[in-house]
Amino acid sequence: MPKAYLPELMWNYSPVIKPMPPLLMDDVCGDKQVCVSFACEFIPYLLGLLEIYRWPDRFTGTPEEQEHSAGLFRELMEVLAMACCGDGTSSITQIVLHQVNSVTLALEISVDGGQTWTPDPNGIPAQITEQVPPVTSGVSANKCDAASNGKQHLEDWIAGVSTAFDVYGTFFEWGVQVILVIAGIILWLLSAGALTVAEIAVIEAIAGALHQVFTAGKSYWDSYWTSDERDKLLCSLFCNIGDDGSFTDSQQQAVISSLQTDLTAGPAKILMIAMLGQIGRQGLNNMCSYGASAESDCSACGCETCGDDWVVGSRFNAGGDPIGHIDSFGVDEATGRWYFVVSSQFDGVNSEAIFLTSNDINNCCNINASDFQFTVGNATVYSFVLCGQALTNFGFGWLGTKYVNSMGLAAPQGSPFTVKIFFNAAT
């Protein structure tokens, strides 16, 4: 006798057991509409339930119908995410503003007139699945092999852009192909046929950069990418990638920042940086996660060290005797990062403490909570001065990665400690 179908007893329960029939309307606002009011608190729950429908394989039909249906649900989720709660007495028109973030170069939207901005759900990072980093023979190998994978795939994209000049005669056709080439490299799975909302959004975001390169032409593009420029791509990736061969958001931004400084000026540089901004951390990690770059050599990359000119400072940099003793320092051979081994000292008030400073508000390093390795005792990494702030303007409560010019650690009086602190290059 067949078992009863009780989906609520399944674990983990998914709202989609089998692929559903495709949706054939042209857009979310079809001919027949429904109007319902409910509490705003339900919105995140509804978005969570709809998440599964963002993927084409959750629908039957042709590949085009599957991608179209998934696109409709992405639009529906965007509509729900931007919904307003009113008093039911008036009709509210939601105005959505779009921009490219001037720092991250990523697509963003605002639903409050530009007061706050959030990542665009049609941006590339929201459309791809992030892959795990390559596993090789150690920290240095992880970094170099992953960076070499990334360089190779960037060169594949450079070649694809060049080939597109030979095949496509109009700017729009060529621009679409440029996006499709990078989509394949970062494992952004697209269906053939009509352009998706995401593809159109990306083309619009980097249209200026695309047009500059298209106008400059194939010969310019090919001649720009000399071996020196390509090596700059490798070293930017290698010097900013994490120990496991993957990037955080901060490290991805460090890549963009270094290339803005190092690449030779011109339309090719503008397009490369614009493209890296659009694919985000997720796309860059996917690019570095696969390839044939085992046992690569990155020894020619002279990665900038950060922290080598820091010193022991006084309590909260407020004057007086330095607090702490530097026992040793140098460049860590495995990671290429500068480090200090520092022992605590009684701060004259109520703590065993260490204060380190660059003595320059703009001489800053990235330091993560995981970059403190205690060899004796333990302490709270509790105070810091953010880059650009006055040296006495300490903040408290260290979480994640901080970009700082000074820092302090403390433990109760009578509980001395020693810590090895790693510094990461400035972003």
Protein backbone atom coordinates (compact mmCIF):
# COMPACT_ATOMS: atom_id res chain seq x y z
CA MET A 1 0.00 0.00 0.00
CA PRO A 2 1.49 3.41 -0.96
CA LYS A 3 2.62 5.62 1.89
CA ALA A 4 0.69 8.79 2.61
CA TYR A 5 2.19 11.97 1.15
CA LEU A 6 2.92 14.15 4.19
CA PRO A 7 5.38 16.86 3.12
CA GLU A 8 5.20 18.57 6.49
CA LEU A 9 6.90 15.51 8.00
CA MET A 10 9.84 15.68 5.55
CA TRP A 11 13.19 16.97 6.82
CA ASN A 12 14.50 19.29 5.69
CA TYR A 13 11.16 20.43 4.35
CA SER A 14 11.26 22.11 0.93
CA PRO A 15 8.24 23.85 -0.61
CA VAL A 16 9.17 22.34 -4.01
CA ILE A 17 9.21 18.56 -4.27
CA LYS A 18 9.07 18.37 -8.07
CA PRO A 19 9.72 20.94 -10.80
CA MET A 20 6.66 23.11 -11.43
CA PRO A 21 5.12 24.11 -14.77
CA PRO A 22 6.70 27.24 -16.29
CA LEU A 23 5.09 30.68 -16.08
CA LEU A 24 4.34 32.19 -19.48
CA MET A 25 3.29 35.77 -18.70
CA ASP A 26 5.56 38.59 -19.89
CA ASP A 27 6.19 40.14 -16.47
CA VAL A 28 5.23 39.97 -12.82
CA CYS A 29 2.28 42.34 -13.32
CA GLY A 30 0.17 40.07 -15.54
CA ASP A 31 -3.37 40.69 -16.79
CA LYS A 32 -4.94 39.18 -13.69
CA GLN A 33 -3.64 40.66 -10.46
CA VAL A 34 -4.32 40.02 -6.80
CA CYS A 35 -4.27 42.58 -4.01
CA VAL A 36 -3.79 41.50 -0.40
CA SER A 37 -2.65 43.25 2.76
CA PHE A 38 -0.70 41.63 5.57
CA ALA A 39 1.84 42.50 8.26
CA CYS A 40 5.30 43.58 7.06
CA GLU A 41 6.89 41.05 9.41
CA PHE A 42 5.89 38.27 7.00
CA ILE A 43 8.05 39.63 4.16
CA PRO A 44 11.38 37.88 5.05
CA TYR A 45 9.56 34.59 5.58
CA LEU A 46 7.85 34.81 2.19
CA LEU A 47 11.16 35.67 0.51
CA GLY A 48 12.72 32.61 2.13
CA LEU A 49 9.95 30.38 0.79
CA LEU A 50 10.33 31.84 -2.71
CA GLU A 51 14.12 31.41 -2.76
CA ILE A 52 13.89 27.95 -4.33
CA TYR A 53 12.08 29.39 -7.37
CA ARG A 54 15.06 31.57 -8.31
CA TRP A 55 16.65 28.55 -9.99
CA PRO A 56 15.64 27.44 -13.51
CA ASP A 57 15.78 23.71 -12.69
CA ARG A 58 12.76 24.14 -10.40
CA PHE A 59 10.57 24.41 -13.51
CA THR A 60 9.63 22.10 -16.34
CA GLY A 61 9.57 23.23 -19.97
CA THR A 62 12.30 24.35 -22.34
CA PRO A 63 15.52 25.98 -21.05
CA GLU A 64 14.16 29.33 -22.23
CA GLU A 65 10.88 28.80 -20.34
CA GLN A 66 12.78 27.69 -17.22
CA GLU A 67 15.02 30.77 -17.22
CA HIS A 68 12.05 33.06 -17.95
CA SER A 69 10.09 31.57 -15.02
CA ALA A 70 13.04 31.93 -12.64
CA GLY A 71 13.46 35.54 -13.79
CA LEU A 72 9.82 36.27 -13.02
CA PHE A 73 10.27 34.97 -9.47
CA ARG A 74 13.39 37.10 -9.03
CA GLU A 75 11.31 40.11 -10.06
CA LEU A 76 8.53 39.05 -7.67
CA MET A 77 11.03 38.77 -4.81
CA GLU A 78 12.34 42.23 -5.61
CA VAL A 79 8.78 43.60 -5.54
CA LEU A 80 8.14 41.94 -2.17
CA ALA A 81 11.48 43.12 -0.75
CA MET A 82 10.60 46.71 -1.65
CA ALA A 83 6.96 46.55 -0.49
CA CYS A 84 5.66 49.36 1.69
CA CYS A 85 3.21 49.15 4.55
CA GLY A 86 0.53 51.85 4.29
CA ASP A 87 -2.74 52.66 5.99
CA GLY A 88 -4.83 51.19 3.17
CA THR A 89 -6.33 54.56 2.26
CA SER A 90 -3.95 55.57 -0.51
CA SER A 91 -2.07 54.08 -3.42
CA ILE A 92 1.72 54.13 -2.96
CA THR A 93 4.02 54.17 -5.97
CA GLN A 94 7.41 52.66 -5.15
CA ILE A 95 10.30 54.50 -6.81
CA VAL A 96 13.47 52.42 -7.09
CA LEU A 97 16.78 54.24 -7.63
CA HIS A 98 19.81 52.49 -9.10
CA GLN A 99 23.52 53.28 -8.82
CA VAL A 100 26.98 51.79 -9.13
CA ASN A 101 28.75 52.06 -5.77
CA SER A 102 31.71 54.41 -6.22
CA VAL A 103 33.94 52.26 -3.98
CA THR A 104 32.89 48.65 -4.59
CA LEU A 105 31.67 49.27 -8.19
CA ALA A 106 28.74 46.94 -7.46
CA LEU A 107 25.11 47.50 -8.47
CA GLU A 108 22.89 48.92 -5.71
CA ILE A 109 19.26 50.01 -5.30
CA SER A 110 17.49 52.44 -2.98
CA VAL A 111 13.79 52.46 -2.10
CA ASP A 112 13.92 55.46 0.25
CA GLY A 113 14.96 58.22 -2.11
CA GLY A 114 18.67 57.49 -1.87
CA GLN A 115 19.03 57.60 1.91
CA THR A 116 20.15 53.97 2.10
CA TRP A 117 21.49 51.63 -0.57
CA THR A 118 21.48 47.83 -0.69
CA PRO A 119 22.94 45.29 -3.17
CA ASP A 120 20.86 44.97 -6.33
CA PRO A 121 19.14 41.54 -6.42
CA ASN A 122 19.79 41.58 -10.18
CA GLY A 123 23.55 41.93 -9.70
CA ILE A 124 25.86 39.05 -10.60
CA PRO A 125 26.82 38.10 -6.99
CA ALA A 126 23.16 37.28 -6.26
CA GLN A 127 22.95 35.01 -9.31
CA ILE A 128 25.87 32.62 -8.80
CA THR A 129 26.82 29.85 -6.38
CA GLU A 130 30.18 30.44 -4.71
CA GLN A 131 32.64 27.56 -5.08
CA VAL A 132 35.14 26.29 -2.48
CA PRO A 133 38.79 27.40 -2.88
CA PRO A 134 41.39 25.02 -4.36
CA VAL A 135 43.11 22.64 -1.94
CA THR A 136 46.87 22.44 -2.46
CA SER A 137 49.96 21.91 -0.34
CA GLY A 138 49.89 24.76 2.15
CA VAL A 139 49.21 28.46 2.73
CA SER A 140 51.66 29.84 0.18
CA ALA A 141 50.65 27.27 -2.43
CA ASN A 142 46.96 27.89 -1.75
CA LYS A 143 47.44 31.59 -2.38
CA CYS A 144 49.62 31.28 -5.46
CA ASP A 145 47.70 28.45 -7.14
CA ALA A 146 44.38 30.24 -6.64
CA ALA A 147 45.83 33.56 -7.85
CA SER A 148 47.31 31.84 -10.90
CA ASN A 149 43.92 30.28 -11.65
CA GLY A 150 42.43 33.75 -11.46
CA LYS A 151 45.06 35.23 -13.75
CA GLN A 152 44.52 32.48 -16.31
CA HIS A 153 40.77 33.08 -16.36
CA LEU A 154 41.22 36.84 -16.62
CA GLU A 155 43.45 36.14 -19.62
CA ASP A 156 40.71 33.90 -21.03
CA TRP A 157 38.33 36.84 -20.71
CA ILE A 158 40.84 39.18 -22.35
CA ALA A 159 41.09 36.74 -25.26
CA GLY A 160 37.29 36.43 -25.42
CA VAL A 161 36.88 40.20 -25.64
CA SER A 162 39.42 40.27 -28.48
CA THR A 163 37.65 37.47 -30.36
CA ALA A 164 34.32 39.26 -29.99
CA PHE A 165 35.74 42.11 -32.07
CA ASP A 166 36.21 39.65 -34.94
CA VAL A 167 32.69 38.23 -34.75
CA TYR A 168 30.34 41.07 -33.75
CA GLY A 169 30.12 44.35 -35.62
CA THR A 170 27.72 46.34 -33.44
CA PHE A 171 28.40 47.70 -30.00
CA PHE A 172 25.42 45.97 -28.40
CA GLU A 173 26.22 42.52 -29.84
CA TRP A 174 29.86 42.85 -28.86
CA GLY A 175 28.95 44.06 -25.35
CA VAL A 176 26.60 41.14 -24.79
CA GLN A 177 29.33 38.70 -25.80
CA VAL A 178 31.78 40.34 -23.37
CA ILE A 179 29.30 39.65 -20.56
CA LEU A 180 28.65 36.08 -21.73
CA VAL A 181 32.37 35.28 -21.77
CA ILE A 182 32.86 36.36 -18.15
CA ALA A 183 29.64 34.58 -17.19
CA GLY A 184 31.09 31.27 -18.32
CA ILE A 185 34.37 31.88 -16.52
CA ILE A 186 32.77 32.66 -13.14
CA LEU A 187 30.31 29.74 -13.47
CA TRP A 188 27.30 32.04 -13.88
CA LEU A 189 24.90 29.67 -15.60
CA LEU A 190 22.80 31.41 -18.24
CA SER A 191 20.31 30.09 -20.75
CA ALA A 192 20.42 30.83 -24.44
CA GLY A 193 17.83 33.21 -25.80
CA ALA A 194 16.55 36.54 -24.55
CA LEU A 195 18.76 38.53 -22.20
CA THR A 196 17.98 38.14 -18.50
CA VAL A 197 17.27 41.08 -16.21
CA ALA A 198 20.67 40.53 -14.59
CA GLU A 199 22.57 40.62 -17.90
CA ILE A 200 20.86 43.84 -18.92
CA ALA A 201 21.60 45.39 -15.51
CA VAL A 202 25.30 44.57 -15.83
CA ILE A 203 25.53 45.89 -19.38
CA GLU A 204 23.89 49.15 -18.29
CA ALA A 205 26.23 49.44 -15.29
CA ILE A 206 29.44 49.19 -17.32
CA ALA A 207 28.15 50.62 -20.60
CA GLY A 208 30.55 53.55 -20.43
CA ALA A 209 33.58 51.31 -19.98
CA LEU A 210 32.37 48.95 -22.72
CA HIS A 211 31.85 51.83 -25.14
CA GLN A 212 35.35 53.23 -24.53
CA VAL A 213 36.96 49.89 -25.34
CA PHE A 214 34.70 49.24 -28.34
CA THR A 215 35.59 52.67 -29.72
CA ALA A 216 39.32 52.10 -29.12
CA GLY A 217 39.10 48.82 -31.04
CA LYS A 218 40.69 45.41 -31.17
CA SER A 219 44.26 46.51 -31.89
CA TYR A 220 44.25 48.79 -28.85
CA TRP A 221 42.82 46.05 -26.61
CA ASP A 222 45.35 43.45 -27.76
CA SER A 223 48.34 45.76 -27.49
CA TYR A 224 47.38 46.98 -23.99
CA TRP A 225 47.61 43.55 -22.39
CA THR A 226 51.37 43.11 -22.38
CA SER A 227 53.08 40.55 -20.17
CA ASP A 228 53.76 43.30 -17.61
CA GLU A 229 50.08 44.24 -17.35
CA ARG A 230 49.12 40.56 -17.04
CA ASP A 231 51.69 40.05 -14.29
CA LYS A 232 50.09 42.94 -12.40
CA LEU A 233 46.84 40.95 -12.43
CA LEU A 234 48.59 37.93 -10.88
CA CYS A 235 50.37 39.91 -8.18
CA SER A 236 47.27 41.89 -7.26
CA LEU A 237 45.40 38.62 -6.72
CA PHE A 238 48.28 36.93 -4.87
CA CYS A 239 49.06 39.83 -2.56
CA ASN A 240 45.45 40.29 -1.45
CA ILE A 241 44.03 36.75 -1.38
CA GLY A 242 43.36 34.94 1.90
CA ASP A 243 45.47 32.11 3.28
CA ASP A 244 42.95 29.50 2.07
CA GLY A 245 43.00 30.78 -1.52
CA SER A 246 39.76 32.76 -1.38
CA PHE A 247 38.75 36.40 -0.98
CA THR A 248 36.63 38.22 1.58
CA ASP A 249 34.71 41.33 0.51
CA SER A 250 37.51 43.47 1.92
CA GLN A 251 40.18 41.52 0.06
CA GLN A 252 38.26 41.72 -3.21
CA GLN A 253 38.13 45.48 -2.76
CA ALA A 254 41.88 45.47 -2.11
CA VAL A 255 42.37 43.82 -5.52
CA ILE A 256 40.39 46.59 -7.21
CA SER A 257 42.26 49.26 -5.25
CA SER A 258 45.68 47.88 -6.17
CA LEU A 259 44.78 47.56 -9.86
CA GLN A 260 43.50 51.13 -9.89
CA THR A 261 47.00 52.12 -8.78
CA ASP A 262 49.11 49.65 -10.76
CA LEU A 263 47.50 49.15 -14.17
CA THR A 264 48.44 51.57 -16.94
CA ALA A 265 45.76 54.19 -17.54
CA GLY A 266 43.33 53.65 -20.42
CA PRO A 267 39.96 52.20 -21.43
CA ALA A 268 41.21 48.61 -20.95
CA LYS A 269 42.03 49.33 -17.31
CA ILE A 270 38.62 50.95 -16.81
CA LEU A 271 36.77 47.95 -18.25
CA MET A 272 38.83 45.38 -16.30
CA ILE A 273 38.17 47.15 -12.99
CA ALA A 274 34.48 47.70 -13.82
CA MET A 275 34.08 44.00 -14.62
CA LEU A 276 35.79 42.94 -11.37
CA GLY A 277 33.47 45.25 -9.46
CA GLN A 278 30.42 43.68 -11.08
CA ILE A 279 31.33 40.03 -10.39
CA GLY A 280 32.01 40.75 -6.71
CA ARG A 281 33.72 38.50 -4.19
CA GLN A 282 31.65 35.54 -5.33
CA GLY A 283 32.66 35.78 -8.96
CA LEU A 284 36.32 36.35 -8.14
CA ASN A 285 36.39 33.33 -5.83
CA ASN A 286 34.79 31.16 -8.51
CA MET A 287 37.39 32.36 -10.99
CA CYS A 288 40.20 31.32 -8.64
CA SER A 289 38.63 28.03 -7.53
CA TYR A 290 39.48 25.92 -10.59
CA GLY A 291 42.18 25.60 -13.21
CA ALA A 292 45.50 23.92 -13.96
CA SER A 293 47.77 26.09 -11.82
CA ALA A 294 49.18 23.57 -9.34
CA GLU A 295 52.70 24.38 -8.10
CA SER A 296 52.59 27.91 -9.52
CA ASP A 297 55.34 30.45 -8.87
CA CYS A 298 54.48 33.84 -7.40
CA SER A 299 57.93 34.63 -6.01
CA ALA A 300 58.31 37.66 -8.31
CA CYS A 301 55.39 39.41 -6.62
CA GLY A 302 56.83 41.84 -4.11
CA CYS A 303 53.76 42.09 -1.93
CA GLU A 304 53.56 45.21 0.18
CA THR A 305 53.97 44.56 3.88
CA CYS A 306 51.87 46.44 6.35
CA GLY A 307 52.72 47.13 9.99
CA ASP A 308 56.51 47.09 9.69
CA ASP A 309 56.67 50.72 10.88
CA TRP A 310 54.23 50.38 13.81
CA VAL A 311 55.49 50.88 17.38
CA VAL A 312 54.35 50.39 20.97
CA GLY A 313 52.27 53.36 22.05
CA SER A 314 51.09 54.90 25.28
CA ARG A 315 47.74 54.12 26.92
CA PHE A 316 45.07 55.18 24.39
CA ASN A 317 47.84 57.22 22.68
CA ALA A 318 47.21 59.87 25.31
CA GLY A 319 50.83 60.43 26.27
CA GLY A 320 53.02 58.76 28.85
CA ASP A 321 55.14 55.61 28.77
CA PRO A 322 54.66 52.96 26.04
CA ILE A 323 52.54 49.99 27.14
CA GLY A 324 53.87 46.60 26.03
CA HIS A 325 57.14 45.02 24.87
CA ILE A 326 57.92 43.91 21.29
CA ASP A 327 59.71 40.54 21.64
CA SER A 328 60.22 39.83 17.94
CA PHE A 329 59.00 40.89 14.51
CA GLY A 330 59.45 40.16 10.81
CA VAL A 331 57.80 38.75 7.68
CA ASP A 332 56.03 35.41 8.12
CA GLU A 333 57.49 33.04 5.50
CA ALA A 334 54.26 31.10 5.00
CA THR A 335 51.93 34.04 4.39
CA GLY A 336 54.20 36.98 3.49
CA ARG A 337 52.56 39.09 6.20
CA TRP A 338 54.32 41.29 8.75
CA TYR A 339 53.97 40.23 12.37
CA PHE A 340 54.84 41.36 15.89
CA VAL A 341 55.23 39.14 18.95
CA VAL A 342 54.31 41.44 21.86
CA SER A 343 54.15 40.90 25.63
CA SER A 344 51.81 42.83 27.90
CA GLN A 345 52.67 45.33 30.60
CA PHE A 346 50.70 46.77 33.53
CA ASP A 347 49.04 49.95 32.25
CA GLY A 348 49.24 51.77 35.58
CA VAL A 349 45.48 51.59 36.11
CA ASN A 350 43.86 48.16 36.30
CA SER A 351 44.97 46.00 33.36
CA GLU A 352 47.74 44.07 31.69
CA ALA A 353 47.77 45.74 28.28
CA ILE A 354 49.38 46.34 24.90
CA PHE A 355 48.96 49.41 22.72
CA LEU A 356 50.29 49.49 19.15
CA THR A 357 50.15 52.46 16.79
CA SER A 358 51.42 53.63 13.41
CA ASN A 359 51.64 57.23 14.75
CA ASP A 360 49.97 58.35 11.50
CA ILE A 361 46.20 58.58 11.09
CA ASN A 362 46.46 57.45 7.43
CA ASN A 363 49.06 54.70 7.88
CA CYS A 364 46.61 51.84 8.33
CA CYS A 365 46.44 48.05 8.17
CA ASN A 366 43.68 45.49 7.92
CA ILE A 367 43.57 43.27 11.02
CA ASN A 368 41.04 40.52 11.62
CA ALA A 369 40.06 39.12 14.99
CA SER A 370 41.61 35.82 13.83
CA ASP A 371 45.01 37.51 13.30
CA PHE A 372 45.79 37.46 17.05
CA GLN A 373 47.55 34.24 18.15
CA PHE A 374 48.15 34.03 21.91
CA THR A 375 51.19 32.07 23.05
CA VAL A 376 50.93 32.99 26.74
CA GLY A 377 47.64 33.69 28.51
CA ASN A 378 44.77 35.40 26.77
CA ALA A 379 43.33 38.88 26.37
CA THR A 380 40.48 40.86 24.88
CA VAL A 381 41.17 42.65 21.62
CA TYR A 382 39.04 45.51 22.76
CA SER A 383 40.06 48.87 21.31
CA PHE A 384 41.01 50.38 17.97
CA VAL A 385 41.26 53.62 15.98
CA LEU A 386 39.77 53.43 12.50
CA CYS A 387 41.87 54.66 9.60
CA GLY A 388 41.79 58.43 9.18
CA GLN A 389 40.58 59.05 12.74
CA ALA A 390 42.58 60.95 15.37
CA LEU A 391 44.99 58.64 17.18
CA THR A 392 43.15 59.20 20.46
CA ASN A 393 39.71 58.44 19.02
CA PHE A 394 39.50 54.84 20.22
CA GLY A 395 36.49 52.65 19.53
CA PHE A 396 35.61 49.48 21.41
CA GLY A 397 34.26 46.03 20.55
CA TRP A 398 36.39 44.34 17.90
CA LEU A 399 34.32 42.34 15.38
CA GLY A 400 35.46 40.98 12.01
CA THR A 401 38.10 42.92 10.09
CA LYS A 402 39.14 46.41 11.12
CA TYR A 403 41.14 48.90 9.03
CA VAL A 404 43.04 50.71 11.77
CA ASN A 405 45.97 52.95 12.65
CA SER A 406 46.10 51.92 16.34
CA MET A 407 44.87 49.10 18.58
CA GLY A 408 44.83 47.91 22.18
CA LEU A 409 44.55 44.56 23.98
CA ALA A 410 43.90 44.05 27.69
CA ALA A 411 43.57 41.40 30.38
CA PRO A 412 42.89 41.70 34.12
CA GLN A 413 45.74 42.93 36.30
CA GLY A 414 48.01 40.03 37.25
CA SER A 415 47.20 38.04 34.06
CA PRO A 416 50.09 38.80 31.67
CA PHE A 417 49.92 37.58 28.09
CA THR A 418 51.98 37.34 24.91
CA VAL A 419 50.45 37.53 21.44
CA LYS A 420 51.60 37.20 17.83
CA ILE A 421 49.75 39.75 15.68
CA PHE A 422 49.55 39.47 11.88
CA PHE A 423 49.10 42.58 9.74
CA ASN A 424 47.41 42.62 6.33
CA ALA A 425 48.12 45.05 3.53
CA ALA A 426 46.07 48.24 3.47
CA THR A 427 43.01 48.41 1.23
